[in-house]
Amino acid sequence: MLTWDSTYAIALELRRQHPEADLETVSLGQICEWTLALSDFEDDPALVNDDILSSIFQDWFEENIHGK
């Protein structure tokens, strides 16, 4: 189960599901939509804020640079 606290796990799943995503053009709104669409995501959409979405983006960005 993914929640808004699972920013790294969300980033990994988004990276897996959207390998073609250009992080220079992905918006926080798009990250929010994609996160809410994840089958394992189970948290209140009202709890999200820009800090959480920015953390997901940062984890995704770093994983693209340093991950495999």
N, C-alpha and C. Protein backbone atom coordinates (compact mmCIF):
# COMPACT_ATOMS: atom_id res chain seq x y z
N MET A 1 0.84 -1.19 0.00
CA MET A 1 0.00 0.00 0.00
C MET A 1 0.88 1.25 0.00
N LEU A 2 0.56 2.17 -0.87
CA LEU A 2 1.29 3.44 -0.94
C LEU A 2 0.46 4.56 -0.32
N THR A 3 1.14 5.43 0.41
CA THR A 3 0.51 6.63 0.97
C THR A 3 1.38 7.82 0.59
N TRP A 4 0.91 9.00 0.91
CA TRP A 4 1.68 10.21 0.60
C TRP A 4 3.04 10.21 1.28
N ASP A 5 3.19 9.45 2.37
CA ASP A 5 4.49 9.36 3.06
C ASP A 5 5.47 8.48 2.30
N SER A 6 5.00 7.72 1.33
CA SER A 6 5.84 6.77 0.58
C SER A 6 6.43 7.42 -0.67
N THR A 7 7.04 8.59 -0.53
CA THR A 7 7.46 9.33 -1.72
C THR A 7 8.44 8.56 -2.59
N TYR A 8 9.39 7.87 -1.97
CA TYR A 8 10.38 7.12 -2.75
C TYR A 8 9.73 5.95 -3.49
N ALA A 9 8.88 5.21 -2.80
CA ALA A 9 8.19 4.08 -3.43
C ALA A 9 7.27 4.55 -4.55
N ILE A 10 6.61 5.68 -4.35
CA ILE A 10 5.77 6.26 -5.40
C ILE A 10 6.63 6.63 -6.59
N ALA A 11 7.76 7.28 -6.33
CA ALA A 11 8.66 7.69 -7.42
C ALA A 11 9.12 6.48 -8.23
N LEU A 12 9.47 5.39 -7.55
CA LEU A 12 9.90 4.18 -8.26
C LEU A 12 8.78 3.62 -9.13
N GLU A 13 7.58 3.62 -8.60
CA GLU A 13 6.45 3.09 -9.36
C GLU A 13 6.11 4.00 -10.55
N LEU A 14 6.15 5.30 -10.35
CA LEU A 14 5.89 6.23 -11.46
C LEU A 14 6.97 6.08 -12.53
N ARG A 15 8.19 5.91 -12.11
CA ARG A 15 9.29 5.71 -13.06
C ARG A 15 9.07 4.44 -13.87
N ARG A 16 8.59 3.39 -13.21
CA ARG A 16 8.34 2.12 -13.89
C ARG A 16 7.16 2.25 -14.87
N GLN A 17 6.12 2.94 -14.45
CA GLN A 17 4.91 3.03 -15.28
C GLN A 17 4.99 4.10 -16.37
N HIS A 18 5.88 5.06 -16.19
CA HIS A 18 5.99 6.16 -17.15
C HIS A 18 7.46 6.37 -17.56
N PRO A 19 8.06 5.33 -18.17
CA PRO A 19 9.48 5.42 -18.51
C PRO A 19 9.78 6.49 -19.57
N GLU A 20 8.76 6.88 -20.32
CA GLU A 20 8.95 7.88 -21.37
C GLU A 20 8.82 9.31 -20.85
N ALA A 21 8.45 9.46 -19.59
CA ALA A 21 8.20 10.80 -19.04
C ALA A 21 9.47 11.65 -19.07
N ASP A 22 9.31 12.86 -19.55
CA ASP A 22 10.40 13.84 -19.56
C ASP A 22 10.24 14.69 -18.30
N LEU A 23 11.12 14.47 -17.34
CA LEU A 23 10.97 15.16 -16.06
C LEU A 23 11.14 16.67 -16.17
N GLU A 24 11.68 17.15 -17.27
CA GLU A 24 11.78 18.60 -17.46
C GLU A 24 10.42 19.21 -17.80
N THR A 25 9.47 18.37 -18.23
CA THR A 25 8.16 18.90 -18.60
C THR A 25 7.03 18.38 -17.72
N VAL A 26 7.31 17.40 -16.85
CA VAL A 26 6.27 16.85 -15.98
C VAL A 26 5.94 17.87 -14.88
N SER A 27 4.66 18.14 -14.72
CA SER A 27 4.22 19.09 -13.69
C SER A 27 3.89 18.37 -12.39
N LEU A 28 3.81 19.14 -11.33
CA LEU A 28 3.38 18.56 -10.05
C LEU A 28 1.96 18.04 -10.15
N GLY A 29 1.14 18.72 -10.93
CA GLY A 29 -0.23 18.26 -11.14
C GLY A 29 -0.27 16.89 -11.82
N GLN A 30 0.62 16.69 -12.79
CA GLN A 30 0.70 15.41 -13.48
C GLN A 30 1.17 14.32 -12.52
N ILE A 31 2.16 14.64 -11.69
CA ILE A 31 2.63 13.68 -10.69
C ILE A 31 1.48 13.31 -9.75
N CYS A 32 0.69 14.27 -9.36
CA CYS A 32 -0.45 14.01 -8.48
C CYS A 32 -1.44 13.08 -9.18
N GLU A 33 -1.81 13.38 -10.43
CA GLU A 33 -2.75 12.54 -11.17
C GLU A 33 -2.23 11.12 -11.31
N TRP A 34 -0.98 10.98 -11.70
CA TRP A 34 -0.40 9.66 -11.89
C TRP A 34 -0.34 8.88 -10.58
N THR A 35 -0.03 9.59 -9.49
CA THR A 35 0.03 8.93 -8.18
C THR A 35 -1.35 8.41 -7.77
N LEU A 36 -2.36 9.25 -7.93
CA LEU A 36 -3.72 8.84 -7.56
C LEU A 36 -4.19 7.66 -8.41
N ALA A 37 -3.66 7.52 -9.61
CA ALA A 37 -4.05 6.43 -10.51
C ALA A 37 -3.33 5.10 -10.19
N LEU A 38 -2.32 5.13 -9.34
CA LEU A 38 -1.60 3.90 -9.01
C LEU A 38 -2.53 2.94 -8.27
N SER A 39 -2.49 1.68 -8.68
CA SER A 39 -3.41 0.70 -8.08
C SER A 39 -3.12 0.47 -6.59
N ASP A 40 -1.87 0.63 -6.17
CA ASP A 40 -1.50 0.41 -4.77
C ASP A 40 -1.65 1.66 -3.90
N PHE A 41 -2.05 2.79 -4.50
CA PHE A 41 -2.14 4.02 -3.73
C PHE A 41 -3.45 4.05 -2.96
N GLU A 42 -3.33 4.25 -1.64
CA GLU A 42 -4.51 4.27 -0.78
C GLU A 42 -4.37 5.35 0.28
N ASP A 43 -4.54 6.59 -0.13
CA ASP A 43 -4.48 7.69 0.83
C ASP A 43 -5.48 8.75 0.39
N ASP A 44 -5.75 9.68 1.27
CA ASP A 44 -6.72 10.73 1.01
C ASP A 44 -6.12 11.76 0.05
N PRO A 45 -6.71 11.96 -1.12
CA PRO A 45 -6.18 12.95 -2.06
C PRO A 45 -6.14 14.37 -1.48
N ALA A 46 -6.97 14.64 -0.49
CA ALA A 46 -7.02 15.97 0.11
C ALA A 46 -5.77 16.27 0.95
N LEU A 47 -5.00 15.25 1.28
CA LEU A 47 -3.82 15.44 2.14
C LEU A 47 -2.58 15.88 1.37
N VAL A 48 -2.63 15.81 0.05
CA VAL A 48 -1.44 16.13 -0.75
C VAL A 48 -1.17 17.63 -0.74
N ASN A 49 0.12 17.98 -0.86
CA ASN A 49 0.51 19.38 -1.00
C ASN A 49 1.75 19.44 -1.89
N ASP A 50 2.17 20.65 -2.23
CA ASP A 50 3.30 20.80 -3.15
C ASP A 50 4.59 20.22 -2.58
N ASP A 51 4.76 20.25 -1.27
CA ASP A 51 5.98 19.68 -0.67
C ASP A 51 6.06 18.18 -0.92
N ILE A 52 4.94 17.48 -0.75
CA ILE A 52 4.91 16.04 -0.99
C ILE A 52 5.19 15.74 -2.46
N LEU A 53 4.51 16.47 -3.35
CA LEU A 53 4.70 16.25 -4.78
C LEU A 53 6.12 16.57 -5.20
N SER A 54 6.70 17.60 -4.62
CA SER A 54 8.10 17.95 -4.92
C SER A 54 9.04 16.85 -4.44
N SER A 55 8.73 16.23 -3.32
CA SER A 55 9.56 15.13 -2.81
C SER A 55 9.50 13.94 -3.75
N ILE A 56 8.30 13.63 -4.25
CA ILE A 56 8.16 12.54 -5.22
C ILE A 56 8.98 12.86 -6.46
N PHE A 57 8.84 14.08 -6.95
CA PHE A 57 9.59 14.50 -8.14
C PHE A 57 11.09 14.37 -7.90
N GLN A 58 11.57 14.84 -6.77
CA GLN A 58 13.00 14.80 -6.46
C GLN A 58 13.51 13.36 -6.39
N ASP A 59 12.73 12.49 -5.74
CA ASP A 59 13.12 11.07 -5.66
C ASP A 59 13.18 10.45 -7.05
N TRP A 60 12.21 10.78 -7.89
CA TRP A 60 12.17 10.26 -9.25
C TRP A 60 13.36 10.76 -10.05
N PHE A 61 13.62 12.05 -9.94
CA PHE A 61 14.74 12.67 -10.65
C PHE A 61 16.07 12.03 -10.24
N GLU A 62 16.28 11.89 -8.94
CA GLU A 62 17.52 11.30 -8.43
C GLU A 62 17.65 9.84 -8.86
N GLU A 63 16.54 9.13 -8.86
CA GLU A 63 16.58 7.72 -9.29
C GLU A 63 16.95 7.61 -10.77
N ASN A 64 16.48 8.55 -11.57
CA ASN A 64 16.83 8.56 -12.99
C ASN A 64 18.33 8.81 -13.18
N ILE A 65 18.91 9.61 -12.33
CA ILE A 65 20.33 9.93 -12.44
C ILE A 65 21.19 8.78 -11.87
N HIS A 66 20.83 8.30 -10.68
CA HIS A 66 21.68 7.36 -9.95
C HIS A 66 21.17 5.93 -9.97
N GLY A 67 19.90 5.74 -10.34
CA GLY A 67 19.33 4.40 -10.32
C GLY A 67 19.69 3.59 -11.54
N LYS A 68 19.15 2.43 -11.60
CA LYS A 68 19.41 1.55 -12.74
C LYS A 68 18.16 1.32 -13.53
